Amino acid sequence: MRVDTRRLYESSNGDVWHLVRDAGGGVFVRHAGNAASGGHVVDVSLAAFLSPDRAGPEHQELRRLIGTLIDQPAQ
């Protein structure tokens, strides 16, 4: 099963967020906690991740990435 990922953000404490597209075409954000916190991995829907009350640097980076799509000419 193919899964495509793109690293969105890595915090100073080692938490990492990836944008993920699974084999079925579903897209979501995967958060991997740092080793000290147990390294838990949680998948979050795009709607939940981009909700208005979310303003961390990882959320800002996904919004920035989405904004770059507007800057590119249509193909």
C-alpha atoms as a PDB file:
ATOM      1  CA  MET A   1       0.000   0.000   0.000  1.00  0.00           C
ATOM      2  CA  ARG A   2       1.560   3.284  -1.138  1.00  0.00           C
ATOM      3  CA  VAL A   3       1.519   6.291   1.149  1.00  0.00           C
ATOM      4  CA  ASP A   4       2.964   9.663   0.100  1.00  0.00           C
ATOM      5  CA  THR A   5       4.195  12.064   2.759  1.00  0.00           C
ATOM      6  CA  ARG A   6       5.611  15.562   2.923  1.00  0.00           C
ATOM      7  CA  ARG A   7       7.174  16.950   6.078  1.00  0.00           C
ATOM      8  CA  LEU A   8       5.329  20.069   7.175  1.00  0.00           C
ATOM      9  CA  TYR A   9       7.091  21.054  10.357  1.00  0.00           C
ATOM     10  CA  GLU A  10       9.451  19.852  13.071  1.00  0.00           C
ATOM     11  CA  SER A  11       9.328  21.541  16.462  1.00  0.00           C
ATOM     12  CA  SER A  12      12.357  22.294  18.604  1.00  0.00           C
ATOM     13  CA  ASN A  13      11.372  19.436  20.936  1.00  0.00           C
ATOM     14  CA  GLY A  14      11.367  16.888  18.101  1.00  0.00           C
ATOM     15  CA  ASP A  15       7.639  16.572  17.317  1.00  0.00           C
ATOM     16  CA  VAL A  16       7.082  16.159  13.567  1.00  0.00           C
ATOM     17  CA  TRP A  17       4.028  16.805  11.380  1.00  0.00           C
ATOM     18  CA  HIS A  18       3.597  15.343   7.889  1.00  0.00           C
ATOM     19  CA  LEU A  19       0.988  15.900   5.214  1.00  0.00           C
ATOM     20  CA  VAL A  20      -0.056  12.401   4.122  1.00  0.00           C
ATOM     21  CA  ARG A  21      -1.947  10.998   1.130  1.00  0.00           C
ATOM     22  CA  ASP A  22      -2.908   7.363   1.558  1.00  0.00           C
ATOM     23  CA  ALA A  23      -3.420   4.747  -1.148  1.00  0.00           C
ATOM     24  CA  GLY A  24      -7.139   5.539  -1.311  1.00  0.00           C
ATOM     25  CA  GLY A  25      -6.466   9.245  -1.965  1.00  0.00           C
ATOM     26  CA  GLY A  26      -7.343  10.384   1.549  1.00  0.00           C
ATOM     27  CA  VAL A  27      -5.319  13.351   2.799  1.00  0.00           C
ATOM     28  CA  PHE A  28      -4.603  14.103   6.451  1.00  0.00           C
ATOM     29  CA  VAL A  29      -1.921  15.351   8.840  1.00  0.00           C
ATOM     30  CA  ARG A  30       0.153  12.859  10.827  1.00  0.00           C
ATOM     31  CA  HIS A  31       1.708  14.041  14.091  1.00  0.00           C
ATOM     32  CA  ALA A  32       4.576  12.004  15.524  1.00  0.00           C
ATOM     33  CA  GLY A  33       5.436  12.939  19.085  1.00  0.00           C
ATOM     34  CA  ASN A  34       9.049  13.051  20.201  1.00  0.00           C
ATOM     35  CA  ALA A  35      10.687  10.045  21.852  1.00  0.00           C
ATOM     36  CA  ALA A  36      10.594  11.638  25.316  1.00  0.00           C
ATOM     37  CA  SER A  37       6.787  11.884  25.143  1.00  0.00           C
ATOM     38  CA  GLY A  38       6.445   8.293  23.975  1.00  0.00           C
ATOM     39  CA  GLY A  39       6.624   8.880  20.214  1.00  0.00           C
ATOM     40  CA  HIS A  40       2.879   8.448  19.741  1.00  0.00           C
ATOM     41  CA  VAL A  41       1.577   8.902  16.194  1.00  0.00           C
ATOM     42  CA  VAL A  42      -1.825  10.522  15.630  1.00  0.00           C
ATOM     43  CA  ASP A  43      -3.607  11.151  12.336  1.00  0.00           C
ATOM     44  CA  VAL A  44      -5.702  14.330  12.172  1.00  0.00           C
ATOM     45  CA  SER A  45      -8.234  15.268   9.495  1.00  0.00           C
ATOM     46  CA  LEU A  46      -7.474  18.404   7.493  1.00  0.00           C
ATOM     47  CA  ALA A  47     -10.680  20.027   8.735  1.00  0.00           C
ATOM     48  CA  ALA A  48      -9.696  19.521  12.370  1.00  0.00           C
ATOM     49  CA  PHE A  49      -6.081  20.521  11.777  1.00  0.00           C
ATOM     50  CA  LEU A  50      -7.051  23.752  10.008  1.00  0.00           C
ATOM     51  CA  SER A  51      -9.865  24.766  12.344  1.00  0.00           C
ATOM     52  CA  PRO A  52      -9.811  28.501  13.182  1.00  0.00           C
ATOM     53  CA  ASP A  53      -8.638  27.953  16.766  1.00  0.00           C
ATOM     54  CA  ARG A  54      -5.422  26.256  15.575  1.00  0.00           C
ATOM     55  CA  ALA A  55      -2.588  28.769  15.127  1.00  0.00           C
ATOM     56  CA  GLY A  56       0.631  26.923  15.954  1.00  0.00           C
ATOM     57  CA  PRO A  57       3.615  27.070  13.615  1.00  0.00           C
ATOM     58  CA  GLU A  58       2.714  23.669  12.150  1.00  0.00           C
ATOM     59  CA  HIS A  59      -0.755  25.010  11.241  1.00  0.00           C
ATOM     60  CA  GLN A  60       0.721  28.180   9.768  1.00  0.00           C
ATOM     61  CA  GLU A  61       3.089  26.094   7.625  1.00  0.00           C
ATOM     62  CA  LEU A  62       0.250  24.075   6.104  1.00  0.00           C
ATOM     63  CA  ARG A  63      -1.673  27.286   5.373  1.00  0.00           C
ATOM     64  CA  ARG A  64       1.472  28.731   3.749  1.00  0.00           C
ATOM     65  CA  LEU A  65       1.912  25.571   1.653  1.00  0.00           C
ATOM     66  CA  ILE A  66      -1.699  25.726   0.484  1.00  0.00           C
ATOM     67  CA  GLY A  67      -1.184  29.392  -0.414  1.00  0.00           C
ATOM     68  CA  THR A  68       1.719  28.484  -2.711  1.00  0.00           C
ATOM     69  CA  LEU A  69      -0.715  26.522  -4.866  1.00  0.00           C
ATOM     70  CA  ILE A  70      -2.425  29.778  -5.773  1.00  0.00           C
ATOM     71  CA  ASP A  71       0.866  31.353  -6.851  1.00  0.00           C
ATOM     72  CA  GLN A  72       1.575  28.630  -9.424  1.00  0.00           C
ATOM     73  CA  PRO A  73       0.093  28.830 -12.924  1.00  0.00           C
ATOM     74  CA  ALA A  74      -2.617  26.271 -13.697  1.00  0.00           C
ATOM     75  CA  GLN A  75      -1.520  23.321 -15.808  1.00  0.00           C
END
